[in-house]
Amino acid sequence: MKLLITGSNGLLGQKLVALLHQQAGVQLLATSRGENKLATLYPEVRFIPLDLTDRAQVQQVLDAEQPTHLIHTAAMTNVDECELHHEACWLNNVTATEHVVEACEQFNVHLVHVSTDFIFSGEQGPLTEDAIPEPVNFYGQSKLAAEKAVQACRAPWAILRTVLVYGTAHEYGRTNIVLWVRDSLRASKHIKVVSDQLRTPTLAEDLAQGCWLAAQHNATGIYHISGQELLTPYEMALQVAAYFNLDASLIEKVDASTFTQPARRPLRTGFIITKAKTDLGYQPHTFAEGIALLAQQTTATT
């Protein structure tokens, strides 16, 4: 198997490189925009800079490398940025995916595409793979359009939708709910956390495992890959406070109307992951186990 990863500098991309760089029988090729953030951590992994919005560049790299499998993790995922910058969002999430699909068709590459719970309205959850998409923000619209491009692909494809991914990464500017709550409470900051949204939070390592299982099985179709526990962000915050023995009275329970954000959030999503467990052997960590792993990782790096 020769496996090409897009977006290898991102959170999921980094976890995939960590998981697969010593996997027997896998020739790994990392690609991302800009310089390779993992060069010092995994010097043995080949890296090629790749701008997916450049159709000719995508064709050229796939033609030269001839991968058997491609895991497409690259995307513009900041929901508010997508709402404010429609053109950039469409270019990075839809046009880029169309370029990947076209090249996968041309060179008959098995494509694993990562999507999101934000393609759904949030009126009901947890959701199975056959739930009807109805996005409430532009990010969700762009990811749904990308899914449609993948579904039209004439090479084998799998779409892996996920929910609220959290984890640590090298030289990665964005935080996540676990570290944000921990660091805020450690600094004795009062924080407001919503209690009217429901998610099945996903450890980044679990999502990477799901992508790898889909590639290994040459899976086709749509799979929901997330954690199993349906939690509100407020419940997640309480678990983080309890794990790190921090003052939970600093956490104020609010509803989504407290915040003015450019993009609407679906209220209730979360996934039913029976199909992924049955077909792929996917088995996620609990949220408590995820918190413990992040604690261990951040201790190791500080």
Protein backbone atom coordinates (compact mmCIF):
# COMPACT_ATOMS: atom_id res chain seq x y z
CA MET A 1 0.00 0.00 0.00
CA LYS A 2 1.24 3.47 -0.89
CA LEU A 3 -0.74 5.97 1.12
CA LEU A 4 -0.85 9.72 0.50
CA ILE A 5 -2.16 12.02 3.24
CA THR A 6 -3.40 15.54 2.45
CA GLY A 7 -3.23 18.12 5.24
CA SER A 8 -0.43 16.34 7.10
CA ASN A 9 0.34 19.52 9.11
CA GLY A 10 -3.17 19.56 10.62
CA LEU A 11 -4.35 17.82 13.77
CA LEU A 12 -5.72 14.69 12.05
CA GLY A 13 -2.89 14.65 9.49
CA GLN A 14 -0.28 14.64 12.26
CA LYS A 15 -2.05 11.79 14.08
CA LEU A 16 -2.13 9.76 10.85
CA VAL A 17 1.61 10.27 10.29
CA ALA A 18 2.26 9.21 13.91
CA LEU A 19 0.08 6.11 13.46
CA LEU A 20 1.35 5.02 10.04
CA HIS A 21 5.00 6.05 9.79
CA GLN A 22 6.21 2.63 10.98
CA GLN A 23 3.30 0.55 9.76
CA ALA A 24 4.52 -2.59 8.00
CA GLY A 25 3.66 -2.74 4.32
CA VAL A 26 2.78 0.96 4.08
CA GLN A 27 4.77 3.45 2.06
CA LEU A 28 3.69 6.80 3.49
CA LEU A 29 3.68 10.15 1.72
CA ALA A 30 2.76 13.26 3.69
CA THR A 31 1.56 16.37 1.82
CA SER A 32 0.45 19.75 3.07
CA ARG A 33 0.59 23.41 2.25
CA GLY A 34 3.76 25.13 3.43
CA GLU A 35 6.70 23.60 5.23
CA ASN A 36 6.64 20.18 6.87
CA LYS A 37 5.87 20.67 10.59
CA LEU A 38 6.79 17.06 11.30
CA ALA A 39 10.27 17.10 9.72
CA THR A 40 12.08 16.88 13.08
CA LEU A 41 9.64 14.37 14.63
CA TYR A 42 9.50 11.94 11.70
CA PRO A 43 12.49 12.65 9.45
CA GLU A 44 12.01 9.28 7.73
CA VAL A 45 8.57 10.25 6.33
CA ARG A 46 8.64 11.65 2.80
CA PHE A 47 6.93 15.02 2.48
CA ILE A 48 5.85 16.95 -0.60
CA PRO A 49 4.41 20.47 -0.37
CA LEU A 50 1.01 20.41 -2.10
CA ASP A 51 -1.58 23.12 -2.71
CA LEU A 52 -4.82 21.27 -3.43
CA THR A 53 -6.42 24.38 -4.91
CA ASP A 54 -3.93 24.06 -7.80
CA ARG A 55 -5.43 21.42 -10.09
CA ALA A 56 -2.25 20.92 -12.15
CA GLN A 57 -0.17 20.39 -9.01
CA VAL A 58 -2.58 17.74 -7.68
CA GLN A 59 -2.51 15.89 -11.03
CA GLN A 60 1.27 16.13 -11.21
CA VAL A 61 1.88 14.75 -7.68
CA LEU A 62 -0.53 11.83 -8.08
CA ASP A 63 0.86 11.01 -11.51
CA ALA A 64 4.44 11.03 -10.21
CA GLU A 65 3.72 9.16 -6.96
CA GLN A 66 0.99 6.71 -8.02
CA PRO A 67 -0.46 6.13 -4.52
CA THR A 68 -2.90 3.25 -4.02
CA HIS A 69 -4.79 5.09 -1.27
CA LEU A 70 -5.37 8.75 -0.40
CA ILE A 71 -6.71 10.07 2.91
CA HIS A 72 -8.03 13.58 2.37
CA THR A 73 -7.92 15.47 5.68
CA ALA A 74 -7.08 18.97 4.40
CA ALA A 75 -9.89 21.51 4.83
CA MET A 76 -10.76 24.95 6.13
CA THR A 77 -12.46 23.98 9.40
CA ASN A 78 -12.80 27.23 11.37
CA VAL A 79 -16.58 27.56 11.19
CA ASP A 80 -16.73 31.33 11.78
CA GLU A 81 -13.91 32.02 9.30
CA CYS A 82 -15.86 30.02 6.71
CA GLU A 83 -18.97 32.11 7.41
CA LEU A 84 -17.01 35.34 6.95
CA HIS A 85 -14.93 34.23 3.94
CA HIS A 86 -17.18 32.24 1.61
CA GLU A 87 -14.80 32.30 -1.34
CA ALA A 88 -11.79 30.96 0.58
CA CYS A 89 -13.98 28.34 2.26
CA TRP A 90 -15.39 27.09 -1.06
CA LEU A 91 -11.95 27.03 -2.67
CA ASN A 92 -10.37 25.00 0.16
CA ASN A 93 -13.27 22.69 0.92
CA VAL A 94 -15.00 22.14 -2.41
CA THR A 95 -12.71 23.07 -5.31
CA ALA A 96 -9.73 21.36 -3.65
CA THR A 97 -11.81 18.20 -3.10
CA GLU A 98 -12.94 18.25 -6.74
CA HIS A 99 -9.26 18.32 -7.76
CA VAL A 100 -8.52 15.36 -5.47
CA VAL A 101 -11.51 13.40 -6.81
CA GLU A 102 -10.51 14.03 -10.42
CA ALA A 103 -6.94 12.84 -9.82
CA CYS A 104 -8.11 9.77 -7.83
CA GLU A 105 -10.36 8.83 -10.75
CA GLN A 106 -7.59 9.30 -13.26
CA PHE A 107 -5.07 7.13 -11.37
CA ASN A 108 -7.62 4.79 -9.73
CA VAL A 109 -6.73 5.70 -6.14
CA HIS A 110 -8.92 4.59 -3.22
CA LEU A 111 -10.14 7.84 -1.60
CA VAL A 112 -10.99 8.32 2.08
CA HIS A 113 -12.58 11.74 2.57
CA VAL A 114 -13.14 13.31 6.01
CA SER A 115 -16.43 15.14 6.57
CA THR A 116 -18.38 16.55 9.50
CA ASP A 117 -21.54 16.49 11.63
CA PHE A 118 -22.01 20.14 10.60
CA ILE A 119 -23.69 19.00 7.37
CA PHE A 120 -26.75 18.34 9.60
CA SER A 121 -29.35 20.79 10.94
CA GLY A 122 -28.91 19.78 14.58
CA GLU A 123 -32.60 19.19 15.18
CA GLN A 124 -32.07 15.59 16.17
CA GLY A 125 -29.19 13.38 17.17
CA PRO A 126 -27.38 11.09 17.53
CA LEU A 127 -27.47 10.35 13.80
CA THR A 128 -26.93 7.34 11.56
CA GLU A 129 -25.28 7.47 8.14
CA ASP A 130 -28.61 7.74 6.31
CA ALA A 131 -29.77 10.89 8.15
CA ILE A 132 -30.73 13.69 5.74
CA PRO A 133 -28.17 16.54 5.58
CA GLU A 134 -29.41 20.09 6.06
CA PRO A 135 -26.55 22.45 7.00
CA VAL A 136 -27.23 25.63 8.98
CA ASN A 137 -23.95 27.40 8.16
CA PHE A 138 -21.61 27.92 5.20
CA TYR A 139 -18.97 25.53 6.49
CA GLY A 140 -21.59 22.78 6.55
CA GLN A 141 -22.75 23.74 3.05
CA SER A 142 -19.18 23.53 1.73
CA LYS A 143 -18.55 20.14 3.33
CA LEU A 144 -21.83 18.79 1.96
CA ALA A 145 -20.86 19.98 -1.53
CA ALA A 146 -17.48 18.24 -1.08
CA GLU A 147 -19.29 15.02 -0.09
CA LYS A 148 -21.36 15.21 -3.28
CA ALA A 149 -18.17 15.58 -5.34
CA VAL A 150 -16.73 12.49 -3.63
CA GLN A 151 -19.93 10.50 -4.13
CA ALA A 152 -19.68 11.15 -7.88
CA CYS A 153 -16.12 9.74 -7.93
CA ARG A 154 -15.64 6.77 -10.27
CA ALA A 155 -12.75 5.40 -8.19
CA PRO A 156 -13.56 3.62 -4.88
CA TRP A 157 -14.39 6.11 -2.12
CA ALA A 158 -15.36 6.25 1.55
CA ILE A 159 -16.66 9.30 3.41
CA LEU A 160 -15.88 9.44 7.15
CA ARG A 161 -17.94 11.99 9.02
CA THR A 162 -16.78 13.03 12.47
CA VAL A 163 -17.75 15.23 15.44
CA LEU A 164 -15.90 17.76 17.64
CA VAL A 165 -12.36 16.44 17.28
CA TYR A 166 -9.98 17.13 20.17
CA GLY A 167 -6.28 16.37 20.59
CA THR A 168 -2.79 17.82 20.78
CA ALA A 169 -0.50 18.49 17.85
CA HIS A 170 2.98 19.82 17.13
CA GLU A 171 3.17 23.57 16.35
CA TYR A 172 -0.60 23.68 16.06
CA GLY A 173 -2.15 27.07 16.81
CA ARG A 174 -5.66 25.98 17.71
CA THR A 175 -6.85 24.70 21.06
CA ASN A 176 -9.66 22.28 21.89
CA ILE A 177 -12.28 21.93 24.60
CA VAL A 178 -10.16 19.79 26.93
CA LEU A 179 -7.06 22.02 26.93
CA TRP A 180 -9.09 25.24 26.87
CA VAL A 181 -11.08 24.26 29.97
CA ARG A 182 -8.00 22.92 31.79
CA ASP A 183 -5.84 25.97 31.04
CA SER A 184 -8.64 28.48 31.83
CA LEU A 185 -9.39 26.88 35.19
CA ARG A 186 -5.70 26.59 36.05
CA ALA A 187 -5.48 30.35 35.47
CA SER A 188 -8.57 30.83 37.72
CA LYS A 189 -10.55 32.20 34.78
CA HIS A 190 -14.33 32.20 34.85
CA ILE A 191 -15.62 30.46 31.69
CA LYS A 192 -19.04 30.14 30.06
CA VAL A 193 -19.82 26.76 28.51
CA VAL A 194 -22.98 25.83 26.61
CA SER A 195 -25.33 23.18 27.93
CA ASP A 196 -27.83 23.14 25.04
CA GLN A 197 -25.59 21.54 22.40
CA LEU A 198 -25.04 17.79 22.18
CA ARG A 199 -22.04 16.11 20.57
CA THR A 200 -20.14 12.81 20.60
CA PRO A 201 -16.60 14.23 21.04
CA THR A 202 -13.89 12.45 19.06
CA LEU A 203 -10.30 11.89 20.11
CA ALA A 204 -8.00 12.74 17.16
CA GLU A 205 -6.19 9.41 17.57
CA ASP A 206 -9.51 7.58 17.20
CA LEU A 207 -10.35 9.45 14.00
CA ALA A 208 -6.90 8.60 12.61
CA GLN A 209 -7.54 4.95 13.49
CA GLY A 210 -10.90 5.12 11.70
CA CYS A 211 -9.25 6.54 8.55
CA TRP A 212 -6.61 3.80 8.64
CA LEU A 213 -9.25 1.06 9.09
CA ALA A 214 -11.21 2.45 6.12
CA ALA A 215 -8.08 2.41 3.92
CA GLN A 216 -7.06 -1.08 5.12
CA HIS A 217 -10.50 -2.50 4.40
CA ASN A 218 -10.80 -0.63 1.09
CA ALA A 219 -14.09 0.49 2.58
CA THR A 220 -16.68 2.17 0.40
CA GLY A 221 -19.69 4.27 1.36
CA ILE A 222 -20.36 6.57 4.32
CA TYR A 223 -19.23 5.91 7.90
CA HIS A 224 -19.82 7.84 11.11
CA ILE A 225 -16.60 7.93 13.15
CA SER A 226 -16.73 9.62 16.55
CA GLY A 227 -16.80 8.96 20.27
CA GLN A 228 -19.75 7.02 21.70
CA GLU A 229 -20.86 9.33 24.53
CA LEU A 230 -23.46 12.00 23.83
CA LEU A 231 -22.38 14.97 25.94
CA THR A 232 -22.97 18.71 26.18
CA PRO A 233 -19.85 20.93 26.19
CA TYR A 234 -20.80 21.82 29.79
CA GLU A 235 -20.72 18.13 30.78
CA MET A 236 -17.37 17.78 29.01
CA ALA A 237 -16.01 20.78 30.93
CA LEU A 238 -17.11 19.26 34.26
CA GLN A 239 -15.29 16.02 33.40
CA VAL A 240 -12.12 17.98 32.56
CA ALA A 241 -12.33 19.92 35.86
CA ALA A 242 -12.81 16.69 37.81
CA TYR A 243 -9.92 14.90 36.09
CA PHE A 244 -7.43 17.72 36.76
CA ASN A 245 -8.92 18.44 40.22
CA LEU A 246 -9.76 22.04 39.30
CA ASP A 247 -12.47 24.42 40.55
CA ALA A 248 -15.67 23.58 38.65
CA SER A 249 -17.47 26.58 40.21
CA LEU A 250 -15.58 28.73 37.66
CA ILE A 251 -17.63 27.04 34.91
CA GLU A 252 -20.87 28.87 34.17
CA LYS A 253 -23.63 26.92 32.44
CA VAL A 254 -25.10 28.97 29.56
CA ASP A 255 -27.02 28.38 26.36
CA ALA A 256 -25.89 29.09 22.81
CA SER A 257 -27.81 32.40 22.65
CA THR A 258 -25.22 33.82 25.11
CA PHE A 259 -22.65 33.98 22.32
CA THR A 260 -22.74 36.05 19.18
CA GLN A 261 -20.84 34.05 16.60
CA PRO A 262 -20.90 34.67 12.83
CA ALA A 263 -21.94 31.06 12.11
CA ARG A 264 -24.92 29.22 13.57
CA ARG A 265 -24.10 25.89 15.23
CA PRO A 266 -26.31 22.84 14.93
CA LEU A 267 -27.68 22.19 18.42
CA ARG A 268 -27.96 18.42 18.58
CA THR A 269 -25.73 16.16 16.50
CA GLY A 270 -23.58 13.27 17.68
CA PHE A 271 -23.29 9.96 15.87
CA ILE A 272 -24.43 6.38 16.12
CA ILE A 273 -21.23 4.47 15.20
CA THR A 274 -22.58 0.92 14.96
CA LYS A 275 -21.73 0.61 11.25
CA ALA A 276 -18.07 1.59 11.76
CA LYS A 277 -17.76 -0.78 14.73
CA THR A 278 -19.34 -3.68 12.84
CA ASP A 279 -17.79 -3.20 9.38
CA LEU A 280 -14.37 -1.79 10.29
CA GLY A 281 -13.75 -2.96 13.86
CA TYR A 282 -13.63 0.69 15.01
CA GLN A 283 -13.47 1.06 18.79
CA PRO A 284 -13.11 4.58 20.24
CA HIS A 285 -11.77 5.68 23.61
CA THR A 286 -14.16 7.01 26.23
CA PHE A 287 -14.05 10.77 26.83
CA ALA A 288 -12.41 10.12 30.22
CA GLU A 289 -9.69 8.05 28.50
CA GLY A 290 -9.23 10.84 25.95
CA ILE A 291 -8.72 13.42 28.71
CA ALA A 292 -6.14 11.15 30.36
CA LEU A 293 -4.26 10.70 27.07
CA LEU A 294 -4.14 14.49 26.46
CA ALA A 295 -2.92 14.99 30.03
CA GLN A 296 -0.12 12.50 29.42
CA GLN A 297 0.82 14.04 26.05
CA THR A 298 0.92 17.62 27.32
CA THR A 299 2.97 16.58 30.37
CA ALA A 300 5.45 14.88 28.04
CA THR A 301 5.89 18.02 25.92
CA THR A 302 6.18 20.60 28.72
